[in-house]
């Protein structure tokens, strides 16, 4: 599970190596990456909303 999270985070910022990407396609399950990706996007959006609300309340 840790390798899936590392792969998702690397994909979010665009720094995943070709070797790791190939390993993900051969050894990982697609469903794990999809679920982790959806959770990652939800957390990212929640963080953006939180930051915007903090900035707007401070102004």
N, C-alpha and C. Protein backbone atom coordinates (compact mmCIF):
# COMPACT_ATOMS: atom_id res chain seq x y z
N UNK A 1 0.82 -1.19 0.00
CA UNK A 1 0.00 0.00 0.00
C UNK A 1 0.87 1.26 0.00
N UNK A 2 1.99 1.20 0.68
CA UNK A 2 2.88 2.35 0.72
C UNK A 2 3.43 2.68 -0.67
N UNK A 3 3.71 1.65 -1.46
CA UNK A 3 4.22 1.90 -2.81
C UNK A 3 3.16 2.55 -3.70
N UNK A 4 1.89 2.20 -3.48
CA UNK A 4 0.80 2.82 -4.25
C UNK A 4 0.71 4.30 -3.88
N UNK A 5 0.79 4.62 -2.60
CA UNK A 5 0.72 6.01 -2.16
C UNK A 5 1.90 6.81 -2.72
N UNK A 6 3.10 6.22 -2.68
CA UNK A 6 4.27 6.90 -3.23
C UNK A 6 4.10 7.15 -4.73
N UNK A 7 3.55 6.19 -5.43
CA UNK A 7 3.35 6.34 -6.87
C UNK A 7 2.33 7.42 -7.17
N UNK A 8 1.25 7.46 -6.39
CA UNK A 8 0.21 8.47 -6.60
C UNK A 8 0.77 9.87 -6.33
N UNK A 9 1.52 10.02 -5.23
CA UNK A 9 2.10 11.33 -4.92
C UNK A 9 3.10 11.76 -5.99
N UNK A 10 3.89 10.83 -6.47
CA UNK A 10 4.85 11.15 -7.53
C UNK A 10 4.12 11.54 -8.81
N UNK A 11 3.03 10.89 -9.09
CA UNK A 11 2.26 11.22 -10.30
C UNK A 11 1.60 12.59 -10.16
N UNK A 12 1.16 12.94 -8.95
CA UNK A 12 0.54 14.25 -8.73
C UNK A 12 1.49 15.38 -9.07
N UNK A 13 2.76 15.23 -8.69
CA UNK A 13 3.70 16.32 -8.95
C UNK A 13 4.54 16.09 -10.21
N UNK A 14 4.35 14.94 -10.84
CA UNK A 14 4.96 14.69 -12.14
C UNK A 14 6.43 14.33 -12.11
N UNK A 15 6.89 13.63 -11.07
CA UNK A 15 8.31 13.30 -10.98
C UNK A 15 8.58 11.80 -10.94
N UNK A 16 7.62 10.99 -11.32
CA UNK A 16 7.82 9.55 -11.27
C UNK A 16 8.73 9.09 -12.40
N UNK A 17 9.68 8.23 -12.06
CA UNK A 17 10.62 7.74 -13.07
C UNK A 17 9.93 6.72 -13.97
N UNK A 18 10.50 6.53 -15.13
CA UNK A 18 9.96 5.57 -16.09
C UNK A 18 10.03 4.15 -15.52
N UNK A 19 11.09 3.85 -14.79
CA UNK A 19 11.25 2.52 -14.20
C UNK A 19 10.15 2.25 -13.17
N UNK A 20 9.84 3.22 -12.32
CA UNK A 20 8.77 3.04 -11.33
C UNK A 20 7.41 2.93 -12.00
N UNK A 21 7.20 3.69 -13.06
CA UNK A 21 5.94 3.63 -13.78
C UNK A 21 5.74 2.25 -14.41
N UNK A 22 6.79 1.71 -15.00
CA UNK A 22 6.70 0.36 -15.58
C UNK A 22 6.43 -0.68 -14.51
N UNK A 23 7.06 -0.53 -13.34
CA UNK A 23 6.83 -1.47 -12.24
C UNK A 23 5.38 -1.40 -11.77
N UNK A 24 4.82 -0.19 -11.71
CA UNK A 24 3.43 -0.03 -11.31
C UNK A 24 2.48 -0.74 -12.26
N UNK A 25 2.77 -0.65 -13.56
CA UNK A 25 1.89 -1.28 -14.55
C UNK A 25 2.00 -2.80 -14.53
N UNK A 26 3.15 -3.33 -14.17
CA UNK A 26 3.31 -4.79 -14.19
C UNK A 26 2.96 -5.45 -12.87
N UNK A 27 3.17 -4.75 -11.73
CA UNK A 27 2.97 -5.39 -10.43
C UNK A 27 1.75 -4.89 -9.68
N UNK A 28 1.27 -3.72 -9.97
CA UNK A 28 0.16 -3.15 -9.20
C UNK A 28 -1.20 -3.47 -9.80
N UNK A 29 -2.22 -3.40 -8.95
CA UNK A 29 -3.59 -3.56 -9.41
C UNK A 29 -4.15 -2.19 -9.76
N UNK A 30 -4.84 -2.12 -10.87
CA UNK A 30 -5.39 -0.84 -11.32
C UNK A 30 -6.39 -0.27 -10.32
N UNK A 31 -7.17 -1.14 -9.71
CA UNK A 31 -8.19 -0.66 -8.76
C UNK A 31 -7.56 0.06 -7.58
N UNK A 32 -6.40 -0.42 -7.12
CA UNK A 32 -5.72 0.25 -6.02
C UNK A 32 -5.30 1.66 -6.40
N UNK A 33 -4.80 1.81 -7.62
CA UNK A 33 -4.35 3.12 -8.07
C UNK A 33 -5.53 4.07 -8.28
N UNK A 34 -6.63 3.55 -8.78
CA UNK A 34 -7.82 4.38 -9.00
C UNK A 34 -8.38 4.87 -7.67
N UNK A 35 -8.52 3.96 -6.71
CA UNK A 35 -9.05 4.35 -5.40
C UNK A 35 -8.13 5.33 -4.71
N UNK A 36 -6.83 5.06 -4.73
CA UNK A 36 -5.88 5.97 -4.09
C UNK A 36 -5.86 7.32 -4.80
N UNK A 37 -5.99 7.32 -6.10
CA UNK A 37 -6.04 8.57 -6.85
C UNK A 37 -7.26 9.41 -6.52
N UNK A 38 -8.40 8.76 -6.40
CA UNK A 38 -9.63 9.47 -6.04
C UNK A 38 -9.52 10.06 -4.64
N UNK A 39 -8.99 9.27 -3.71
CA UNK A 39 -8.81 9.77 -2.34
C UNK A 39 -7.81 10.92 -2.34
N UNK A 40 -6.73 10.80 -3.10
CA UNK A 40 -5.73 11.86 -3.18
C UNK A 40 -6.31 13.16 -3.73
N UNK A 41 -7.13 13.06 -4.75
CA UNK A 41 -7.76 14.26 -5.32
C UNK A 41 -8.72 14.88 -4.33
N UNK A 42 -9.48 14.05 -3.61
CA UNK A 42 -10.41 14.58 -2.61
C UNK A 42 -9.67 15.31 -1.50
N UNK A 43 -8.56 14.74 -1.04
CA UNK A 43 -7.76 15.39 0.01
C UNK A 43 -7.18 16.70 -0.52
N UNK A 44 -6.71 16.70 -1.75
CA UNK A 44 -6.14 17.91 -2.35
C UNK A 44 -7.18 19.01 -2.45
N UNK A 45 -8.37 18.68 -2.89
CA UNK A 45 -9.45 19.68 -3.00
C UNK A 45 -9.84 20.19 -1.62
N UNK A 46 -9.91 19.29 -0.63
CA UNK A 46 -10.25 19.71 0.73
C UNK A 46 -9.19 20.66 1.29
N UNK A 47 -7.92 20.38 1.01
CA UNK A 47 -6.85 21.28 1.46
C UNK A 47 -6.94 22.64 0.78
N UNK A 48 -7.26 22.66 -0.50
CA UNK A 48 -7.41 23.93 -1.20
C UNK A 48 -8.56 24.75 -0.61
N UNK A 49 -9.67 24.10 -0.34
CA UNK A 49 -10.82 24.79 0.25
C UNK A 49 -10.45 25.33 1.63
N UNK A 50 -9.75 24.55 2.42
CA UNK A 50 -9.32 24.98 3.75
C UNK A 50 -8.40 26.19 3.67
N UNK A 51 -7.44 26.14 2.76
CA UNK A 51 -6.50 27.26 2.62
C UNK A 51 -7.23 28.52 2.17
N UNK A 52 -8.12 28.40 1.21
CA UNK A 52 -8.86 29.57 0.73
C UNK A 52 -9.72 30.15 1.85
N UNK A 53 -10.38 29.29 2.61
CA UNK A 53 -11.20 29.79 3.73
C UNK A 53 -10.35 30.48 4.79
N UNK A 54 -9.17 29.94 5.07
CA UNK A 54 -8.28 30.58 6.03
C UNK A 54 -7.80 31.95 5.56
N UNK A 55 -7.46 32.04 4.29
CA UNK A 55 -6.98 33.30 3.72
C UNK A 55 -8.10 34.32 3.71
N UNK A 56 -9.30 33.91 3.31
CA UNK A 56 -10.41 34.85 3.23
C UNK A 56 -10.87 35.31 4.63
N UNK A 57 -10.79 34.44 5.63
CA UNK A 57 -11.19 34.85 6.96
C UNK A 57 -10.16 35.76 7.60
N UNK A 58 -8.91 35.67 7.19
CA UNK A 58 -7.87 36.52 7.74
C UNK A 58 -7.87 37.91 7.09
N UNK A 59 -8.46 38.02 5.93
CA UNK A 59 -8.43 39.29 5.21
C UNK A 59 -9.45 40.28 5.69
